[in-house]
Amino acid sequence: MNQNLVDFPEKLPAQELLKFIPADAKAIVELGCGNSTIASQYKQINPHCRYIEIKSDPE
């Protein structure tokens, strides 16, 4: 098992999730990104990261 994987509770505040993302990440893929809160906050930390969002319900 990959030691970088963390078993998150179903709903965790964006600020808590951001603690697990390296500040110098080159690319991030977020599944089921909802209203893109984490993406917008992380882009302030690392504007050069390639952030890919895959929405579970595009509507």
C-alpha atoms as a PDB file:
ATOM      1  CA  MET A   1       0.000   0.000   0.000  1.00  0.00           C
ATOM      2  CA  ASN A   2       1.213   3.498  -0.833  1.00  0.00           C
ATOM      3  CA  GLN A   3       2.234   5.223   2.398  1.00  0.00           C
ATOM      4  CA  ASN A   4       1.272   8.621   0.943  1.00  0.00           C
ATOM      5  CA  LEU A   5      -2.406   7.698   0.886  1.00  0.00           C
ATOM      6  CA  VAL A   6      -4.430   8.890   3.849  1.00  0.00           C
ATOM      7  CA  ASP A   7      -7.865   7.619   4.819  1.00  0.00           C
ATOM      8  CA  PHE A   8      -9.831  10.882   5.123  1.00  0.00           C
ATOM      9  CA  PRO A   9     -13.205  11.296   6.769  1.00  0.00           C
ATOM     10  CA  GLU A  10     -15.944  11.929   4.209  1.00  0.00           C
ATOM     11  CA  LYS A  11     -16.173  15.674   4.959  1.00  0.00           C
ATOM     12  CA  LEU A  12     -12.990  17.456   5.998  1.00  0.00           C
ATOM     13  CA  PRO A  13     -12.605  21.261   5.859  1.00  0.00           C
ATOM     14  CA  ALA A  14     -10.497  22.521   2.943  1.00  0.00           C
ATOM     15  CA  GLN A  15      -7.930  24.038   5.311  1.00  0.00           C
ATOM     16  CA  GLU A  16      -7.332  20.612   6.863  1.00  0.00           C
ATOM     17  CA  LEU A  17      -6.923  18.937   3.464  1.00  0.00           C
ATOM     18  CA  LEU A  18      -4.441  21.586   2.321  1.00  0.00           C
ATOM     19  CA  LYS A  19      -2.058  20.465   5.082  1.00  0.00           C
ATOM     20  CA  PHE A  20      -1.614  17.143   3.248  1.00  0.00           C
ATOM     21  CA  ILE A  21      -0.727  18.665  -0.146  1.00  0.00           C
ATOM     22  CA  PRO A  22       2.970  19.504  -0.663  1.00  0.00           C
ATOM     23  CA  ALA A  23       3.410  23.244  -1.240  1.00  0.00           C
ATOM     24  CA  ASP A  24       5.705  22.546  -4.207  1.00  0.00           C
ATOM     25  CA  ALA A  25       3.561  19.955  -6.019  1.00  0.00           C
ATOM     26  CA  LYS A  26       3.934  19.981  -9.813  1.00  0.00           C
ATOM     27  CA  ALA A  27       0.491  18.508 -10.491  1.00  0.00           C
ATOM     28  CA  ILE A  28      -2.599  17.579  -8.491  1.00  0.00           C
ATOM     29  CA  VAL A  29      -5.653  15.605  -9.564  1.00  0.00           C
ATOM     30  CA  GLU A  30      -8.732  16.120  -7.416  1.00  0.00           C
ATOM     31  CA  LEU A  31     -11.661  13.737  -7.775  1.00  0.00           C
ATOM     32  CA  GLY A  32     -15.155  14.909  -6.884  1.00  0.00           C
ATOM     33  CA  CYS A  33     -14.039  18.489  -6.315  1.00  0.00           C
ATOM     34  CA  GLY A  34     -17.460  19.967  -5.554  1.00  0.00           C
ATOM     35  CA  ASN A  35     -17.299  23.768  -5.583  1.00  0.00           C
ATOM     36  CA  SER A  36     -13.496  23.934  -6.172  1.00  0.00           C
ATOM     37  CA  THR A  37     -12.757  25.424  -2.743  1.00  0.00           C
ATOM     38  CA  ILE A  38      -9.557  23.435  -2.283  1.00  0.00           C
ATOM     39  CA  ALA A  39      -8.363  24.237  -5.813  1.00  0.00           C
ATOM     40  CA  SER A  40      -8.819  27.977  -5.401  1.00  0.00           C
ATOM     41  CA  GLN A  41      -7.096  27.994  -2.008  1.00  0.00           C
ATOM     42  CA  TYR A  42      -4.204  25.810  -3.183  1.00  0.00           C
ATOM     43  CA  LYS A  43      -3.623  27.950  -6.287  1.00  0.00           C
ATOM     44  CA  GLN A  44      -2.888  30.841  -3.910  1.00  0.00           C
ATOM     45  CA  ILE A  45      -0.165  28.721  -2.274  1.00  0.00           C
ATOM     46  CA  ASN A  46       1.275  27.353  -5.524  1.00  0.00           C
ATOM     47  CA  PRO A  47       0.062  29.203  -8.641  1.00  0.00           C
ATOM     48  CA  HIS A  48       2.418  27.206 -10.910  1.00  0.00           C
ATOM     49  CA  CYS A  49       0.926  23.808 -10.089  1.00  0.00           C
ATOM     50  CA  ARG A  50      -1.118  22.028 -12.742  1.00  0.00           C
ATOM     51  CA  TYR A  51      -4.420  21.433 -10.939  1.00  0.00           C
ATOM     52  CA  ILE A  52      -6.802  18.982 -12.621  1.00  0.00           C
ATOM     53  CA  GLU A  53     -10.338  18.685 -11.304  1.00  0.00           C
ATOM     54  CA  ILE A  54     -12.588  15.763 -12.164  1.00  0.00           C
ATOM     55  CA  LYS A  55     -16.128  16.519 -11.086  1.00  0.00           C
ATOM     56  CA  SER A  56     -18.359  13.603 -10.135  1.00  0.00           C
ATOM     57  CA  ASP A  57     -21.498  15.529 -11.143  1.00  0.00           C
ATOM     58  CA  PRO A  58     -20.775  18.212 -13.768  1.00  0.00           C
ATOM     59  CA  GLU A  59     -24.052  20.058 -13.063  1.00  0.00           C
END
